[in-house]
Structure formats: structure tokens, C-alpha cells
């Protein structure tokens, strides 16, 4: 109703100027808050501390945590599959592989795993010998993380995740998990 009145009003230029000013102020406040948060999160000392944090890491404890939570996520993936929630099943499949790769990273380098969900990138950082098939699988499974989480992709991903499609990818996830666990 307010918008209709403003269009009818002879003073509509002033109305849009006021709206424009309010949005600019809102955008500036939001930007300032974001800059403040980012400057505290991305403080150089924070990253320096993270780089040096591996000095006190309990490798066995961290590796065990990654493996245990990966196994829990894998079992949840299977439960979601049985409940016919195929898209979320594959999302958890991605998480279960990611956690095993991070366990392997910690085991090999005795420091915390990198902050990424990109399975291929983690495997690359570890130095895993990847054939084209496994490299393609890691890239494709990484997409499950984005497709299940973000609204722009959810509907398309939901449609893609038929029972047959999901069974195929669960089998690949199982093979990758076995392969990674053999290296742990």
C-alpha cells in the first residue's frame, strides 16, 4: 500500500532518494560490521598461531576424532539413504570422505588439516597418487557439499539424486573410504 501511494504521489523522486539513502546507510553499516569481523578473524597473529599450533597437537587423538566422526557420518549417510533422503545422504558421504582425508593429512604432517571442503585439494596437499578416476570422483563428490547446502543448487541436486544415482555414488564413496583407511 505504501509503495502504491508513493507511485501516485507527485513526490516520488524524493521517495526513491530517501530509499536509496537508507539502503546506502544499511549497506555501509553492514560493510563496516563485516570489515570489523573479518579483521578480527583474519588477524595475521591468528594465522601465525594456527601455523605454529601443530607443535602441541596430539596427532593420535586428532586422527582418532576425524576417523570416528567420519564413521558416524558414513553410518548416517546409509540411514539417510534408507530413509530415501538421497541428496542429504550424498552430502554426508562427502563429509565422511573429507574427514578421512583430514585424518590422513594430520597423520602425515602432524599438524591440523587445512580449512577446505575440496576433496581433490586435500588429496593434492597430502600428495596422494591419484589416477584420473579417483581425481574425478573427488571433484564430483565435492560438488555434493555445495549442491546440498545452497538454495540455488538444491532443487536441481534433489532431482538428480535418484535411488540409482545415489547407490552408484555411495559405492564410490565406500571405495574411496577403504582406499584412504588403508593409508592411515
Protein backbone atom coordinates (compact mmCIF):
# COMPACT_ATOMS: atom_id res chain seq x y z
CA UNK A 1 0.00 0.00 0.00
CA UNK A 2 2.85 2.38 0.86
CA UNK A 3 4.56 1.74 -2.47
CA UNK A 4 1.33 2.36 -4.40
CA UNK A 5 0.83 5.69 -2.63
CA UNK A 6 4.39 6.70 -3.45
CA UNK A 7 3.94 5.98 -7.13
CA UNK A 8 0.76 8.04 -7.17
CA UNK A 9 2.44 10.83 -5.26
CA UNK A 10 3.95 13.69 -7.21
CA UNK A 11 6.92 13.49 -4.86
CA UNK A 12 8.15 10.05 -5.99
CA UNK A 13 11.68 11.26 -6.82
CA UNK A 14 12.20 12.28 -3.21
CA UNK A 15 10.77 8.93 -2.04
CA UNK A 16 13.31 6.95 -4.10
CA UNK A 17 16.11 9.25 -2.99
CA UNK A 18 15.18 8.52 0.65
CA UNK A 19 15.06 4.78 -0.03
CA UNK A 20 18.39 4.99 -1.83
CA UNK A 21 19.92 6.85 1.14
CA UNK A 22 18.54 4.28 3.62
CA UNK A 23 19.91 1.38 1.58
CA UNK A 24 23.30 3.08 1.27
CA UNK A 25 23.38 3.56 5.06
CA UNK A 26 22.32 -0.04 5.64
CA UNK A 27 24.93 -1.28 3.17
CA UNK A 28 27.64 0.88 4.79
CA UNK A 29 26.73 -0.35 8.29
CA UNK A 30 26.79 -3.92 7.04
CA UNK A 31 30.13 -3.37 5.32
CA UNK A 32 31.65 -1.82 8.45
CA UNK A 33 30.44 -4.73 10.58
CA UNK A 34 31.83 -7.21 8.06
CA UNK A 35 35.19 -5.44 7.94
CA UNK A 36 35.32 -5.44 11.74
CA UNK A 37 34.57 -9.16 11.93
CA UNK A 38 36.98 -10.02 9.12
CA UNK A 39 39.79 -8.01 10.65
CA UNK A 40 39.41 -9.91 13.91
CA UNK A 41 39.10 -13.29 12.18
CA UNK A 42 41.85 -12.69 9.65
CA UNK A 43 44.31 -11.16 12.04
CA UNK A 44 47.85 -12.13 10.99
CA UNK A 45 48.64 -13.29 14.50
CA UNK A 46 45.66 -15.65 14.40
CA UNK A 47 47.11 -17.41 11.36
CA UNK A 48 50.60 -17.36 12.80
CA UNK A 49 49.20 -19.12 15.88
CA UNK A 50 47.43 -21.67 13.65
CA UNK A 51 50.64 -22.35 11.72
CA UNK A 52 52.50 -22.96 14.96
CA UNK A 53 49.65 -24.85 16.63
CA UNK A 54 50.93 -28.16 15.30
CA UNK A 55 53.70 -28.02 17.90
CA UNK A 56 51.25 -29.07 20.62
CA UNK A 57 48.96 -31.31 18.60
CA UNK A 58 48.12 -34.78 19.90
CA UNK A 59 48.24 -36.49 16.50
CA UNK A 60 46.66 -39.76 17.61
CA UNK A 61 43.79 -38.00 19.36
CA UNK A 62 43.06 -35.74 16.39
CA UNK A 63 43.30 -38.61 13.89
CA UNK A 64 41.00 -40.73 16.03
CA UNK A 65 38.50 -37.87 16.19
CA UNK A 66 38.48 -37.49 12.39
CA UNK A 67 38.10 -41.23 11.83
CA UNK A 68 35.38 -41.70 14.47
CA UNK A 69 33.30 -38.79 13.23
CA UNK A 70 33.81 -39.92 9.64
CA UNK A 71 32.48 -43.37 10.54
CA UNK A 72 29.49 -41.79 12.29
CA UNK A 73 28.79 -39.64 9.24
CA UNK A 74 29.11 -42.68 6.97
CA UNK A 75 26.52 -44.57 9.04
CA UNK A 76 24.25 -41.53 8.97
CA UNK A 77 24.68 -41.42 5.19
CA UNK A 78 23.41 -45.00 5.00
CA UNK A 79 20.47 -44.20 7.30
CA UNK A 80 19.54 -41.21 5.17
CA UNK A 81 19.73 -43.39 2.07
CA UNK A 82 17.38 -45.91 3.68
CA UNK A 83 15.04 -43.03 4.55
CA UNK A 84 15.12 -42.04 0.84
CA UNK A 85 16.80 -38.72 1.60
CA UNK A 86 19.25 -39.24 -1.23
CA UNK A 87 20.62 -35.70 -1.56
CA UNK A 88 21.44 -35.42 2.15
CA UNK A 89 22.84 -38.93 2.07
CA UNK A 90 25.38 -37.87 -0.55
CA UNK A 91 26.14 -34.67 1.37
CA UNK A 92 27.13 -36.79 4.38
CA UNK A 93 29.07 -39.09 2.07
CA UNK A 94 31.17 -36.09 1.10
CA UNK A 95 31.72 -35.17 4.75
CA UNK A 96 32.77 -38.74 5.62
CA UNK A 97 35.42 -38.76 2.87
CA UNK A 98 36.59 -35.27 3.80
CA UNK A 99 37.16 -36.28 7.42
CA UNK A 100 39.19 -39.34 6.44
CA UNK A 101 41.37 -37.23 4.17
CA UNK A 102 41.88 -34.79 7.02
CA UNK A 103 42.82 -37.66 9.32
CA UNK A 104 45.42 -38.76 6.78
CA UNK A 105 46.71 -35.21 6.46
CA UNK A 106 47.15 -34.94 10.24
CA UNK A 107 48.80 -38.37 10.39
CA UNK A 108 51.32 -37.50 7.64
CA UNK A 109 52.18 -33.92 8.56
CA UNK A 110 51.48 -33.88 12.31
CA UNK A 111 49.60 -30.60 12.08
CA UNK A 112 45.97 -29.56 11.75
CA UNK A 113 44.22 -30.20 8.45
CA UNK A 114 43.58 -27.33 6.06
CA UNK A 115 40.32 -25.38 6.15
CA UNK A 116 38.75 -26.60 2.93
CA UNK A 117 35.96 -28.92 1.79
CA UNK A 118 37.60 -29.55 -1.58
CA UNK A 119 38.46 -33.25 -1.52
CA UNK A 120 40.78 -33.09 -4.51
CA UNK A 121 42.69 -30.19 -2.94
CA UNK A 122 43.15 -32.05 0.36
CA UNK A 123 44.36 -35.16 -1.52
CA UNK A 124 46.74 -32.95 -3.52
CA UNK A 125 48.12 -31.35 -0.33
CA UNK A 126 48.71 -34.82 1.11
CA UNK A 127 50.49 -35.84 -2.09
CA UNK A 128 48.24 -38.81 -2.83
CA UNK A 129 48.87 -40.63 -6.10
CA UNK A 130 45.56 -40.00 -7.86
CA UNK A 131 44.61 -41.69 -11.08
CA UNK A 132 42.07 -39.89 -13.28
CA UNK A 133 39.19 -41.96 -11.95
CA UNK A 134 39.77 -41.14 -8.28
CA UNK A 135 40.56 -37.49 -9.11
CA UNK A 136 37.25 -37.20 -10.98
CA UNK A 137 35.38 -38.88 -8.13
CA UNK A 138 36.86 -36.49 -5.56
CA UNK A 139 35.89 -33.49 -7.67
CA UNK A 140 32.38 -34.80 -8.23
CA UNK A 141 31.82 -35.74 -4.57
CA UNK A 142 33.00 -32.26 -3.55
CA UNK A 143 30.06 -30.88 -5.52
CA UNK A 144 27.69 -32.73 -3.16
CA UNK A 145 28.80 -30.35 -0.41
CA UNK A 146 27.68 -27.28 -2.36
CA UNK A 147 24.66 -28.79 -4.05
CA UNK A 148 23.02 -30.00 -0.85
CA UNK A 149 23.63 -26.81 1.11
CA UNK A 150 22.91 -23.85 -1.13
CA UNK A 151 19.40 -22.99 -2.29
CA UNK A 152 20.49 -22.15 -5.82
CA UNK A 153 21.56 -25.75 -6.35
CA UNK A 154 19.30 -27.74 -4.00
CA UNK A 155 16.35 -28.34 -6.31
CA UNK A 156 18.50 -29.42 -9.25
CA UNK A 157 20.58 -31.67 -6.99
CA UNK A 158 17.47 -33.13 -5.37
CA UNK A 159 16.14 -34.05 -8.82
CA UNK A 160 19.49 -35.56 -9.82
CA UNK A 161 19.67 -37.77 -6.72
CA UNK A 162 17.62 -40.74 -7.79
CA UNK A 163 17.98 -44.03 -5.94
CA UNK A 164 20.20 -45.44 -8.72
CA UNK A 165 22.39 -42.34 -8.87
CA UNK A 166 22.84 -42.36 -5.10
CA UNK A 167 23.65 -46.10 -4.98
CA UNK A 168 26.32 -45.54 -7.64
CA UNK A 169 27.96 -42.74 -5.67
CA UNK A 170 27.69 -44.50 -2.32
CA UNK A 171 29.66 -47.40 -3.84
CA UNK A 172 32.34 -44.94 -4.99
CA UNK A 173 32.40 -43.31 -1.56
CA UNK A 174 32.87 -46.76 0.03
CA UNK A 175 35.80 -47.49 -2.29
CA UNK A 176 37.44 -44.16 -1.55
CA UNK A 177 37.00 -44.63 2.19
CA UNK A 178 38.58 -48.08 2.05
CA UNK A 179 41.49 -46.73 -0.01
CA UNK A 180 42.11 -43.83 2.40
CA UNK A 181 41.78 -46.03 5.50
CA UNK A 182 44.44 -48.38 4.10
CA UNK A 183 46.86 -45.43 4.16
CA UNK A 184 46.01 -44.48 7.73
